């Protein structure tokens, strides 16, 4: 990835990184990209796709159960700002 493309992602994410940080992250992204390219060179023909790393396990997830939690009013007391029973937060998308 070149610096201009990275700057577009940075702007979209509303980041303003120092040049040193930008260079570090860009180097890491490019290293990952190179590694993935190297992995794509491996011949995987004849190997079935891996659906799960735990194929031999049955359902290991717990059942969903409703549990008592803090009342809404208690949580909203900790909010910087609330309105009509909801948290008010800064606008993230324009």
PDB file of N, CA and C in Angstrom:
ATOM      1  N   UNK A   1       0.854  -1.165   0.000  1.00  0.00           N
ATOM      2  CA  UNK A   1       0.000   0.000   0.000  1.00  0.00           C
ATOM      3  C   UNK A   1       0.906   1.237   0.000  1.00  0.00           C
ATOM      4  N   UNK A   2       0.549   2.204  -0.805  1.00  0.00           N
ATOM      5  CA  UNK A   2       1.361   3.422  -0.825  1.00  0.00           C
ATOM      6  C   UNK A   2       0.828   4.432   0.194  1.00  0.00           C
ATOM      7  N   UNK A   3       1.594   5.500   0.417  1.00  0.00           N
ATOM      8  CA  UNK A   3       1.234   6.486   1.434  1.00  0.00           C
ATOM      9  C   UNK A   3      -0.077   7.189   1.121  1.00  0.00           C
ATOM     10  N   UNK A   4      -0.337   7.449  -0.150  1.00  0.00           N
ATOM     11  CA  UNK A   4      -1.561   8.156  -0.519  1.00  0.00           C
ATOM     12  C   UNK A   4      -2.802   7.315  -0.193  1.00  0.00           C
ATOM     13  N   UNK A   5      -2.736   6.022  -0.493  1.00  0.00           N
ATOM     14  CA  UNK A   5      -3.862   5.134  -0.168  1.00  0.00           C
ATOM     15  C   UNK A   5      -4.056   5.067   1.333  1.00  0.00           C
ATOM     16  N   UNK A   6      -2.929   4.959   2.068  1.00  0.00           N
ATOM     17  CA  UNK A   6      -3.014   4.898   3.523  1.00  0.00           C
ATOM     18  C   UNK A   6      -3.649   6.177   4.071  1.00  0.00           C
ATOM     19  N   UNK A   7      -3.285   7.323   3.499  1.00  0.00           N
ATOM     20  CA  UNK A   7      -3.842   8.594   3.959  1.00  0.00           C
ATOM     21  C   UNK A   7      -5.351   8.658   3.725  1.00  0.00           C
ATOM     22  N   UNK A   8      -5.832   8.029   2.649  1.00  0.00           N
ATOM     23  CA  UNK A   8      -7.275   7.980   2.400  1.00  0.00           C
ATOM     24  C   UNK A   8      -7.978   7.175   3.488  1.00  0.00           C
ATOM     25  N   UNK A   9      -7.386   6.024   3.860  1.00  0.00           N
ATOM     26  CA  UNK A   9      -7.955   5.220   4.954  1.00  0.00           C
ATOM     27  C   UNK A   9      -7.900   5.999   6.268  1.00  0.00           C
ATOM     28  N   UNK A  10      -6.795   6.679   6.485  1.00  0.00           N
ATOM     29  CA  UNK A  10      -6.623   7.468   7.701  1.00  0.00           C
ATOM     30  C   UNK A  10      -7.697   8.549   7.793  1.00  0.00           C
ATOM     31  N   UNK A  11      -7.956   9.210   6.689  1.00  0.00           N
ATOM     32  CA  UNK A  11      -8.974  10.263   6.662  1.00  0.00           C
ATOM     33  C   UNK A  11     -10.367   9.679   6.887  1.00  0.00           C
ATOM     34  N   UNK A  12     -10.654   8.542   6.247  1.00  0.00           N
ATOM     35  CA  UNK A  12     -11.963   7.902   6.401  1.00  0.00           C
ATOM     36  C   UNK A  12     -12.203   7.480   7.849  1.00  0.00           C
ATOM     37  N   UNK A  13     -11.126   7.071   8.541  1.00  0.00           N
ATOM     38  CA  UNK A  13     -11.232   6.643   9.938  1.00  0.00           C
ATOM     39  C   UNK A  13     -11.137   7.828  10.894  1.00  0.00           C
ATOM     40  N   UNK A  14     -10.989   9.034  10.334  1.00  0.00           N
ATOM     41  CA  UNK A  14     -10.863  10.261  11.116  1.00  0.00           C
ATOM     42  C   UNK A  14      -9.669  10.202  12.068  1.00  0.00           C
ATOM     43  N   UNK A  15      -8.560   9.655  11.585  1.00  0.00           N
ATOM     44  CA  UNK A  15      -7.311   9.648  12.330  1.00  0.00           C
ATOM     45  C   UNK A  15      -6.441  10.781  11.822  1.00  0.00           C
ATOM     46  N   UNK A  16      -5.576  11.248  12.688  1.00  0.00           N
ATOM     47  CA  UNK A  16      -4.578  12.228  12.292  1.00  0.00           C
ATOM     48  C   UNK A  16      -3.271  11.783  12.932  1.00  0.00           C
ATOM     49  N   UNK A  17      -2.590  10.864  12.273  1.00  0.00           N
ATOM     50  CA  UNK A  17      -1.395  10.258  12.837  1.00  0.00           C
ATOM     51  C   UNK A  17      -0.150  11.083  12.534  1.00  0.00           C
ATOM     52  N   UNK A  18       0.795  11.074  13.481  1.00  0.00           N
ATOM     53  CA  UNK A  18       2.090  11.678  13.174  1.00  0.00           C
ATOM     54  C   UNK A  18       2.780  10.863  12.075  1.00  0.00           C
ATOM     55  N   UNK A  19       3.648  11.495  11.330  1.00  0.00           N
ATOM     56  CA  UNK A  19       4.333  10.835  10.209  1.00  0.00           C
ATOM     57  C   UNK A  19       5.062   9.565  10.652  1.00  0.00           C
ATOM     58  N   UNK A  20       5.680   9.592  11.834  1.00  0.00           N
ATOM     59  CA  UNK A  20       6.419   8.420  12.333  1.00  0.00           C
ATOM     60  C   UNK A  20       5.474   7.239  12.535  1.00  0.00           C
ATOM     61  N   UNK A  21       4.312   7.494  13.154  1.00  0.00           N
ATOM     62  CA  UNK A  21       3.326   6.425  13.375  1.00  0.00           C
ATOM     63  C   UNK A  21       2.786   5.909  12.049  1.00  0.00           C
ATOM     64  N   UNK A  22       2.516   6.821  11.137  1.00  0.00           N
ATOM     65  CA  UNK A  22       2.007   6.447   9.818  1.00  0.00           C
ATOM     66  C   UNK A  22       2.993   5.512   9.124  1.00  0.00           C
ATOM     67  N   UNK A  23       4.291   5.839   9.197  1.00  0.00           N
ATOM     68  CA  UNK A  23       5.319   5.010   8.562  1.00  0.00           C
ATOM     69  C   UNK A  23       5.399   3.621   9.196  1.00  0.00           C
ATOM     70  N   UNK A  24       5.275   3.567  10.538  1.00  0.00           N
ATOM     71  CA  UNK A  24       5.318   2.268  11.239  1.00  0.00           C
ATOM     72  C   UNK A  24       4.145   1.377  10.819  1.00  0.00           C
ATOM     73  N   UNK A  25       2.963   1.967  10.824  1.00  0.00           N
ATOM     74  CA  UNK A  25       1.763   1.192  10.477  1.00  0.00           C
ATOM     75  C   UNK A  25       1.804   0.767   9.019  1.00  0.00           C
ATOM     76  N   UNK A  26       2.232   1.670   8.164  1.00  0.00           N
ATOM     77  CA  UNK A  26       2.325   1.356   6.736  1.00  0.00           C
ATOM     78  C   UNK A  26       3.315   0.218   6.498  1.00  0.00           C
ATOM     79  N   UNK A  27       4.432   0.215   7.206  1.00  0.00           N
ATOM     80  CA  UNK A  27       5.406  -0.867   7.080  1.00  0.00           C
ATOM     81  C   UNK A  27       4.801  -2.194   7.536  1.00  0.00           C
ATOM     82  N   UNK A  28       4.054  -2.173   8.638  1.00  0.00           N
ATOM     83  CA  UNK A  28       3.416  -3.391   9.141  1.00  0.00           C
ATOM     84  C   UNK A  28       2.369  -3.910   8.163  1.00  0.00           C
ATOM     85  N   UNK A  29       1.569  -3.006   7.593  1.00  0.00           N
ATOM     86  CA  UNK A  29       0.545  -3.399   6.620  1.00  0.00           C
ATOM     87  C   UNK A  29       1.200  -4.024   5.391  1.00  0.00           C
ATOM     88  N   UNK A  30       2.269  -3.417   4.918  1.00  0.00           N
ATOM     89  CA  UNK A  30       2.957  -3.958   3.739  1.00  0.00           C
ATOM     90  C   UNK A  30       3.606  -5.298   4.033  1.00  0.00           C
ATOM     91  N   UNK A  31       4.144  -5.479   5.233  1.00  0.00           N
ATOM     92  CA  UNK A  31       4.718  -6.772   5.610  1.00  0.00           C
ATOM     93  C   UNK A  31       3.636  -7.850   5.630  1.00  0.00           C
ATOM     94  N   UNK A  32       2.487  -7.532   6.217  1.00  0.00           N
ATOM     95  CA  UNK A  32       1.373  -8.488   6.230  1.00  0.00           C
ATOM     96  C   UNK A  32       0.939  -8.833   4.812  1.00  0.00           C
ATOM     97  N   UNK A  33       0.852  -7.845   3.973  1.00  0.00           N
ATOM     98  CA  UNK A  33       0.461  -8.063   2.582  1.00  0.00           C
ATOM     99  C   UNK A  33       1.433  -9.007   1.882  1.00  0.00           C
ATOM    100  N   UNK A  34       2.721  -8.791   2.106  1.00  0.00           N
ATOM    101  CA  UNK A  34       3.732  -9.679   1.511  1.00  0.00           C
ATOM    102  C   UNK A  34       3.575 -11.105   2.017  1.00  0.00           C
ATOM    103  N   UNK A  35       3.316 -11.255   3.305  1.00  0.00           N
ATOM    104  CA  UNK A  35       3.154 -12.602   3.881  1.00  0.00           C
ATOM    105  C   UNK A  35       1.928 -13.303   3.302  1.00  0.00           C
ATOM    106  N   UNK A  36       0.835 -12.557   3.133  1.00  0.00           N
ATOM    107  CA  UNK A  36      -0.363 -13.165   2.548  1.00  0.00           C
ATOM    108  C   UNK A  36      -0.128 -13.551   1.094  1.00  0.00           C
ATOM    109  N   UNK A  37       0.624 -12.746   0.369  1.00  0.00           N
ATOM    110  CA  UNK A  37       0.967 -13.099  -1.011  1.00  0.00           C
ATOM    111  C   UNK A  37       1.768 -14.397  -1.030  1.00  0.00           C
ATOM    112  N   UNK A  38       2.706 -14.526  -0.088  1.00  0.00           N
ATOM    113  CA  UNK A  38       3.530 -15.735   0.002  1.00  0.00           C
ATOM    114  C   UNK A  38       2.649 -16.957   0.301  1.00  0.00           C
ATOM    115  N   UNK A  39       1.678 -16.783   1.207  1.00  0.00           N
ATOM    116  CA  UNK A  39       0.768 -17.885   1.539  1.00  0.00           C
ATOM    117  C   UNK A  39      -0.069 -18.300   0.331  1.00  0.00           C
ATOM    118  N   UNK A  40      -0.446 -17.337  -0.499  1.00  0.00           N
ATOM    119  CA  UNK A  40      -1.273 -17.668  -1.655  1.00  0.00           C
ATOM    120  C   UNK A  40      -0.514 -18.486  -2.689  1.00  0.00           C
ATOM    121  N   UNK A  41       0.807 -18.543  -2.586  1.00  0.00           N
ATOM    122  CA  UNK A  41       1.616 -19.338  -3.506  1.00  0.00           C
ATOM    123  C   UNK A  41       1.601 -20.834  -3.144  1.00  0.00           C
ATOM    124  N   UNK A  42       1.154 -21.172  -1.947  1.00  0.00           N
ATOM    125  CA  UNK A  42       1.150 -22.562  -1.498  1.00  0.00           C
ATOM    126  C   UNK A  42       0.069 -23.342  -2.240  1.00  0.00           C
ATOM    127  N   UNK A  43       0.421 -24.510  -2.736  1.00  0.00           N
ATOM    128  CA  UNK A  43      -0.525 -25.371  -3.435  1.00  0.00           C
ATOM    129  C   UNK A  43      -1.380 -26.108  -2.399  1.00  0.00           C
ATOM    130  N   UNK A  44      -2.656 -25.794  -2.370  1.00  0.00           N
ATOM    131  CA  UNK A  44      -3.566 -26.430  -1.420  1.00  0.00           C
ATOM    132  C   UNK A  44      -4.526 -27.390  -2.114  1.00  0.00           C
ATOM    133  N   UNK A  45      -4.245 -27.712  -3.352  1.00  0.00           N
ATOM    134  CA  UNK A  45      -5.106 -28.620  -4.096  1.00  0.00           C
ATOM    135  C   UNK A  45      -5.118 -29.982  -3.408  1.00  0.00           C
ATOM    136  N   UNK A  46      -6.289 -30.549  -3.270  1.00  0.00           N
ATOM    137  CA  UNK A  46      -6.423 -31.850  -2.645  1.00  0.00           C
ATOM    138  C   UNK A  46      -6.705 -31.761  -1.150  1.00  0.00           C
ATOM    139  N   UNK A  47      -6.653 -30.560  -0.575  1.00  0.00           N
ATOM    140  CA  UNK A  47      -6.975 -30.376   0.834  1.00  0.00           C
ATOM    141  C   UNK A  47      -8.366 -29.782   0.945  1.00  0.00           C
ATOM    142  N   UNK A  48      -9.229 -30.398   1.743  1.00  0.00           N
ATOM    143  CA  UNK A  48     -10.578 -29.842   1.895  1.00  0.00           C
ATOM    144  C   UNK A  48     -10.518 -28.518   2.661  1.00  0.00           C
ATOM    145  N   UNK A  49     -11.448 -27.620   2.366  1.00  0.00           N
ATOM    146  CA  UNK A  49     -11.471 -26.347   3.095  1.00  0.00           C
ATOM    147  C   UNK A  49     -11.723 -26.590   4.586  1.00  0.00           C
ATOM    148  N   UNK A  50     -11.083 -25.815   5.413  1.00  0.00           N
ATOM    149  CA  UNK A  50     -11.264 -25.925   6.858  1.00  0.00           C
ATOM    150  C   UNK A  50     -12.412 -25.021   7.262  1.00  0.00           C
ATOM    151  N   UNK A  51     -13.468 -25.641   7.764  1.00  0.00           N
ATOM    152  CA  UNK A  51     -14.638 -24.886   8.161  1.00  0.00           C
ATOM    153  C   UNK A  51     -14.483 -24.384   9.591  1.00  0.00           C
ATOM    154  N   UNK A  52     -13.898 -25.206  10.437  1.00  0.00           N
ATOM    155  CA  UNK A  52     -13.728 -24.851  11.833  1.00  0.00           C
ATOM    156  C   UNK A  52     -12.463 -25.515  12.358  1.00  0.00           C
ATOM    157  N   UNK A  53     -11.779 -24.844  13.241  1.00  0.00           N
ATOM    158  CA  UNK A  53     -10.587 -25.447  13.835  1.00  0.00           C
ATOM    159  C   UNK A  53     -10.964 -26.455  14.911  1.00  0.00           C
ATOM    160  N   UNK A  54     -12.232 -26.489  15.259  1.00  0.00           N
ATOM    161  CA  UNK A  54     -12.694 -27.411  16.303  1.00  0.00           C
ATOM    162  C   UNK A  54     -13.761 -28.358  15.753  1.00  0.00           C
ATOM    163  N   UNK A  55     -13.453 -29.014  14.648  1.00  0.00           N
ATOM    164  CA  UNK A  55     -14.437 -29.878  13.990  1.00  0.00           C
ATOM    165  C   UNK A  55     -14.896 -31.040  14.862  1.00  0.00           C
ATOM    166  N   UNK A  56     -14.057 -31.502  15.761  1.00  0.00           N
ATOM    167  CA  UNK A  56     -14.404 -32.667  16.581  1.00  0.00           C
ATOM    168  C   UNK A  56     -15.216 -32.304  17.815  1.00  0.00           C
ATOM    169  N   UNK A  57     -15.458 -31.051  18.035  1.00  0.00           N
ATOM    170  CA  UNK A  57     -16.224 -30.633  19.202  1.00  0.00           C
ATOM    171  C   UNK A  57     -17.676 -30.409  18.826  1.00  0.00           C
ATOM    172  N   UNK A  58     -18.564 -30.811  19.732  1.00  0.00           N
ATOM    173  CA  UNK A  58     -19.969 -30.495  19.498  1.00  0.00           C
ATOM    174  C   UNK A  58     -20.205 -29.077  20.008  1.00  0.00           C
ATOM    175  N   UNK A  59     -21.428 -28.668  20.109  1.00  0.00           N
ATOM    176  CA  UNK A  59     -21.742 -27.305  20.489  1.00  0.00           C
ATOM    177  C   UNK A  59     -21.093 -26.955  21.828  1.00  0.00           C
ATOM    178  N   UNK A  60     -20.110 -26.074  21.779  1.00  0.00           N
ATOM    179  CA  UNK A  60     -19.411 -25.679  22.997  1.00  0.00           C
ATOM    180  C   UNK A  60     -19.901 -24.334  23.511  1.00  0.00           C
ATOM    181  N   UNK A  61     -20.895 -23.783  22.841  1.00  0.00           N
ATOM    182  CA  UNK A  61     -21.435 -22.507  23.279  1.00  0.00           C
ATOM    183  C   UNK A  61     -22.469 -22.716  24.364  1.00  0.00           C
ATOM    184  N   UNK A  62     -22.538 -21.791  25.263  1.00  0.00           N
ATOM    185  CA  UNK A  62     -23.524 -21.905  26.343  1.00  0.00           C
ATOM    186  C   UNK A  62     -24.901 -21.502  25.830  1.00  0.00           C
ATOM    187  N   UNK A  63     -25.924 -21.951  26.516  1.00  0.00           N
ATOM    188  CA  UNK A  63     -27.287 -21.545  26.188  1.00  0.00           C
ATOM    189  C   UNK A  63     -27.468 -20.085  26.587  1.00  0.00           C
ATOM    190  N   UNK A  64     -28.213 -19.348  25.774  1.00  0.00           N
ATOM    191  CA  UNK A  64     -28.522 -17.965  26.126  1.00  0.00           C
ATOM    192  C   UNK A  64     -29.556 -17.956  27.236  1.00  0.00           C
ATOM    193  N   UNK A  65     -29.249 -17.226  28.286  1.00  0.00           N
ATOM    194  CA  UNK A  65     -30.187 -17.108  29.407  1.00  0.00           C
ATOM    195  C   UNK A  65     -30.252 -15.641  29.800  1.00  0.00           C
ATOM    196  N   UNK A  66     -31.464 -15.174  30.027  1.00  0.00           N
ATOM    197  CA  UNK A  66     -31.637 -13.799  30.480  1.00  0.00           C
ATOM    198  C   UNK A  66     -31.133 -13.693  31.918  1.00  0.00           C
ATOM    199  N   UNK A  67     -30.373 -12.660  32.183  1.00  0.00           N
ATOM    200  CA  UNK A  67     -29.874 -12.435  33.543  1.00  0.00           C
ATOM    201  C   UNK A  67     -30.188 -10.999  33.936  1.00  0.00           C
ATOM    202  N   UNK A  68     -30.305 -10.778  35.226  1.00  0.00           N
ATOM    203  CA  UNK A  68     -30.557  -9.433  35.736  1.00  0.00           C
ATOM    204  C   UNK A  68     -29.303  -8.595  35.528  1.00  0.00           C
ATOM    205  N   UNK A  69     -29.506  -7.366  35.121  1.00  0.00           N
ATOM    206  CA  UNK A  69     -28.401  -6.447  34.904  1.00  0.00           C
ATOM    207  C   UNK A  69     -28.763  -5.125  35.572  1.00  0.00           C
ATOM    208  N   UNK A  70     -27.885  -4.176  35.510  1.00  0.00           N
ATOM    209  CA  UNK A  70     -28.167  -2.868  36.108  1.00  0.00           C
ATOM    210  C   UNK A  70     -29.395  -2.253  35.449  1.00  0.00           C
ATOM    211  N   UNK A  71     -30.234  -1.616  36.233  1.00  0.00           N
ATOM    212  CA  UNK A  71     -31.365  -0.905  35.631  1.00  0.00           C
ATOM    213  C   UNK A  71     -30.865   0.220  34.727  1.00  0.00           C
ATOM    214  N   UNK A  72     -31.624   0.499  33.704  1.00  0.00           N
ATOM    215  CA  UNK A  72     -31.254   1.528  32.723  1.00  0.00           C
ATOM    216  C   UNK A  72     -30.960   2.867  33.401  1.00  0.00           C
ATOM    217  N   UNK A  73     -31.801   3.234  34.371  1.00  0.00           N
ATOM    218  CA  UNK A  73     -31.602   4.525  35.039  1.00  0.00           C
ATOM    219  C   UNK A  73     -30.253   4.599  35.732  1.00  0.00           C
ATOM    220  N   UNK A  74     -29.809   3.490  36.328  1.00  0.00           N
ATOM    221  CA  UNK A  74     -28.498   3.472  36.992  1.00  0.00           C
ATOM    222  C   UNK A  74     -27.369   3.677  35.983  1.00  0.00           C
ATOM    223  N   UNK A  75     -27.479   3.045  34.821  1.00  0.00           N
ATOM    224  CA  UNK A  75     -26.455   3.199  33.791  1.00  0.00           C
ATOM    225  C   UNK A  75     -26.454   4.616  33.226  1.00  0.00           C
ATOM    226  N   UNK A  76     -27.635   5.167  33.000  1.00  0.00           N
ATOM    227  CA  UNK A  76     -27.716   6.500  32.423  1.00  0.00           C
ATOM    228  C   UNK A  76     -27.216   7.584  33.371  1.00  0.00           C
ATOM    229  N   UNK A  77     -27.213   7.306  34.675  1.00  0.00           N
ATOM    230  CA  UNK A  77     -26.666   8.273  35.636  1.00  0.00           C
ATOM    231  C   UNK A  77     -25.177   8.495  35.389  1.00  0.00           C
ATOM    232  N   UNK A  78     -24.499   7.482  34.846  1.00  0.00           N
ATOM    233  CA  UNK A  78     -23.060   7.576  34.604  1.00  0.00           C
ATOM    234  C   UNK A  78     -22.740   8.235  33.257  1.00  0.00           C
ATOM    235  N   UNK A  79     -23.743   8.452  32.437  1.00  0.00           N
ATOM    236  CA  UNK A  79     -23.520   9.025  31.110  1.00  0.00           C
ATOM    237  C   UNK A  79     -23.223  10.515  31.209  1.00  0.00           C
ATOM    238  N   UNK A  80     -22.367  10.991  30.314  1.00  0.00           N
ATOM    239  CA  UNK A  80     -22.105  12.434  30.240  1.00  0.00           C
ATOM    240  C   UNK A  80     -23.370  13.166  29.830  1.00  0.00           C
ATOM    241  N   UNK A  81     -24.123  12.536  28.914  1.00  0.00           N
ATOM    242  CA  UNK A  81     -25.357  13.147  28.421  1.00  0.00           C
ATOM    243  C   UNK A  81     -26.326  12.045  28.003  1.00  0.00           C
ATOM    244  N   UNK A  82     -27.600  12.222  28.335  1.00  0.00           N
ATOM    245  CA  UNK A  82     -28.616  11.258  27.908  1.00  0.00           C
ATOM    246  C   UNK A  82     -29.870  12.010  27.499  1.00  0.00           C
ATOM    247  N   UNK A  83     -30.691  11.299  26.704  1.00  0.00           N
ATOM    248  CA  UNK A  83     -31.920  11.919  26.215  1.00  0.00           C
ATOM    249  C   UNK A  83     -32.929  10.821  25.938  1.00  0.00           C
ATOM    250  N   UNK A  84     -34.114  10.929  26.475  1.00  0.00           N
ATOM    251  CA  UNK A  84     -35.199   9.964  26.268  1.00  0.00           C
ATOM    252  C   UNK A  84     -34.761   8.535  26.581  1.00  0.00           C
ATOM    253  N   UNK A  85     -33.992   8.343  27.634  1.00  0.00           N
ATOM    254  CA  UNK A  85     -33.580   7.014  28.046  1.00  0.00           C
ATOM    255  C   UNK A  85     -32.452   6.419  27.223  1.00  0.00           C
ATOM    256  N   UNK A  86     -31.738   7.242  26.448  1.00  0.00           N
ATOM    257  CA  UNK A  86     -30.629   6.749  25.613  1.00  0.00           C
ATOM    258  C   UNK A  86     -29.388   7.592  25.849  1.00  0.00           C
ATOM    259  N   UNK A  87     -28.225   6.999  25.583  1.00  0.00           N
ATOM    260  CA  UNK A  87     -26.967   7.742  25.643  1.00  0.00           C
ATOM    261  C   UNK A  87     -26.886   8.699  24.463  1.00  0.00           C
ATOM    262  N   UNK A  88     -26.385   9.891  24.692  1.00  0.00           N
ATOM    263  CA  UNK A  88     -26.114  10.830  23.604  1.00  0.00           C
ATOM    264  C   UNK A  88     -24.608  10.808  23.377  1.00  0.00           C
ATOM    265  N   UNK A  89     -24.210  10.529  22.139  1.00  0.00           N
ATOM    266  CA  UNK A  89     -22.797  10.423  21.795  1.00  0.00           C
ATOM    267  C   UNK A  89     -22.514  11.324  20.592  1.00  0.00           C
ATOM    268  N   UNK A  90     -21.223  11.673  20.395  1.00  0.00           N
ATOM    269  CA  UNK A  90     -20.895  12.503  19.243  1.00  0.00           C
ATOM    270  C   UNK A  90     -21.204  11.779  17.936  1.00  0.00           C
ATOM    271  N   UNK A  91     -21.579  12.542  16.930  1.00  0.00           N
ATOM    272  CA  UNK A  91     -21.859  11.996  15.613  1.00  0.00           C
ATOM    273  C   UNK A  91     -20.575  11.400  15.027  1.00  0.00           C
ATOM    274  N   UNK A  92     -20.623  10.163  14.564  1.00  0.00           N
ATOM    275  CA  UNK A  92     -19.436   9.490  14.038  1.00  0.00           C
ATOM    276  C   UNK A  92     -19.404   9.483  12.513  1.00  0.00           C
ATOM    277  N   UNK A  93     -20.563   9.536  11.878  1.00  0.00           N
ATOM    278  CA  UNK A  93     -20.637   9.485  10.420  1.00  0.00           C
ATOM    279  C   UNK A  93     -21.357  10.733   9.948  1.00  0.00           C
ATOM    280  N   UNK A  94     -20.759  11.375   8.980  1.00  0.00           N
ATOM    281  CA  UNK A  94     -21.391  12.586   8.448  1.00  0.00           C
ATOM    282  C   UNK A  94     -22.208  12.288   7.227  1.00  0.00           C
TER     283      UNK A  94
END
